Amino acid sequence: MAEDNSGIERRQSLRWRAYGGANLVLGEQRSPCRVVDISNGGALVQTDATAEPDTLVRLVIDGLPPMDAKVVRQGKGQIALIFTAPPNFALPSHAALQGLI
């Protein structure tokens, strides 16, 4: 019988709830978004933009270095991202300073 893993947390990094605005850059298109939560491994953003899984994007948050990412999934006005390289800053302290968390 298959094991039910539906309620198990599979993320490798702690996530912090975030409430800040940002921009999602898809090629030449820059779309406003709201960061729902963020970790050292990725982020969930709320946006009207659409992007297929595996699309490369850039998450730009004021006061933080831009973060290159890949779309993991999209649905219900949200896009889940995984960063393609770890952020080169201590995320909790920078995000707190920016009022994100």
Protein backbone atom coordinates (compact mmCIF):
# COMPACT_ATOMS: atom_id res chain seq x y z
CA MET A 1 0.00 0.00 0.00
CA ALA A 2 1.32 3.49 -0.90
CA GLU A 3 2.27 5.81 1.92
CA ASP A 4 0.23 9.03 2.29
CA ASN A 5 2.68 11.97 2.40
CA SER A 6 0.09 14.67 1.73
CA GLY A 7 0.56 16.38 5.10
CA ILE A 8 4.35 16.10 5.31
CA GLU A 9 6.50 19.21 4.97
CA ARG A 10 9.09 18.51 2.24
CA ARG A 11 10.83 21.89 2.15
CA GLN A 12 14.50 21.93 3.07
CA SER A 13 14.58 25.56 4.30
CA LEU A 14 12.54 27.40 6.89
CA ARG A 15 10.03 29.79 5.35
CA TRP A 16 9.13 33.20 6.69
CA ARG A 17 5.77 34.82 6.07
CA ALA A 18 6.28 37.95 4.06
CA TYR A 19 3.97 40.79 3.14
CA GLY A 20 6.10 42.91 0.86
CA GLY A 21 5.85 43.96 -2.73
CA ALA A 22 8.29 42.94 -5.40
CA ASN A 23 8.61 42.42 -9.14
CA LEU A 24 8.85 39.18 -11.06
CA VAL A 25 10.94 39.49 -14.22
CA LEU A 26 10.03 37.04 -16.99
CA GLY A 27 12.27 37.73 -19.97
CA GLU A 28 11.65 41.38 -20.88
CA GLN A 29 8.39 41.57 -18.90
CA ARG A 30 8.41 42.97 -15.36
CA SER A 31 5.26 42.12 -13.35
CA PRO A 32 4.39 43.40 -9.88
CA CYS A 33 3.93 40.69 -7.28
CA ARG A 34 3.53 40.25 -3.54
CA VAL A 35 5.88 37.93 -1.69
CA VAL A 36 3.67 35.57 0.34
CA ASP A 37 6.55 33.68 1.95
CA ILE A 38 10.27 33.30 1.36
CA SER A 39 13.14 31.05 2.39
CA ASN A 40 16.77 30.58 1.49
CA GLY A 41 15.58 28.03 -1.07
CA GLY A 42 12.65 29.75 -2.74
CA ALA A 43 9.56 31.91 -2.50
CA LEU A 44 5.84 31.95 -3.10
CA VAL A 45 4.55 35.06 -4.85
CA GLN A 46 1.07 36.30 -5.63
CA THR A 47 0.82 37.82 -9.10
CA ASP A 48 -1.31 38.21 -12.19
CA ALA A 49 1.65 37.02 -14.29
CA THR A 50 1.71 33.50 -15.69
CA ALA A 51 4.70 31.22 -16.20
CA GLU A 52 5.03 27.54 -16.97
CA PRO A 53 7.00 25.24 -14.68
CA ASP A 54 10.78 25.28 -15.35
CA THR A 55 10.61 28.88 -16.64
CA LEU A 56 13.61 30.92 -15.47
CA VAL A 57 12.66 34.19 -13.76
CA ARG A 58 14.17 36.83 -11.51
CA LEU A 59 12.59 37.98 -8.23
CA VAL A 60 13.40 41.63 -7.49
CA ILE A 61 12.64 42.93 -3.98
CA ASP A 62 13.55 46.53 -3.13
CA GLY A 63 16.67 46.69 -0.99
CA LEU A 64 17.76 43.10 -1.72
CA PRO A 65 19.93 41.70 -4.49
CA PRO A 66 17.89 40.21 -7.37
CA MET A 67 17.33 36.46 -7.03
CA ASP A 68 17.33 34.14 -10.04
CA ALA A 69 14.76 31.37 -9.75
CA LYS A 70 12.89 28.65 -11.58
CA VAL A 71 9.10 28.27 -11.56
CA VAL A 72 8.06 25.11 -9.73
CA ARG A 73 4.30 25.48 -10.09
CA GLN A 74 1.59 28.04 -10.74
CA GLY A 75 -2.04 28.24 -9.76
CA LYS A 76 -4.71 30.39 -8.13
CA GLY A 77 -2.80 33.62 -8.81
CA GLN A 78 0.38 32.35 -7.19
CA ILE A 79 3.74 31.18 -8.50
CA ALA A 80 6.07 28.97 -6.46
CA LEU A 81 9.77 29.55 -7.10
CA ILE A 82 12.96 27.70 -6.27
CA PHE A 83 16.12 29.81 -6.27
CA THR A 84 18.73 28.61 -8.76
CA ALA A 85 21.52 29.76 -6.42
CA PRO A 86 21.40 30.44 -2.68
CA PRO A 87 20.86 34.13 -1.82
CA ASN A 88 24.17 35.84 -1.13
CA PHE A 89 22.84 37.50 2.03
CA ALA A 90 21.32 36.43 5.34
CA LEU A 91 17.67 36.36 4.33
CA PRO A 92 15.93 36.76 7.73
CA SER A 93 17.96 39.81 8.77
CA HIS A 94 17.71 41.55 5.38
CA ALA A 95 14.03 40.76 4.98
CA ALA A 96 13.25 42.02 8.48
CA LEU A 97 15.11 45.25 7.76
CA GLN A 98 13.02 45.71 4.63
CA GLY A 99 9.80 45.10 6.55
CA LEU A 100 9.03 41.91 4.64
CA ILE A 101 8.75 39.59 7.63
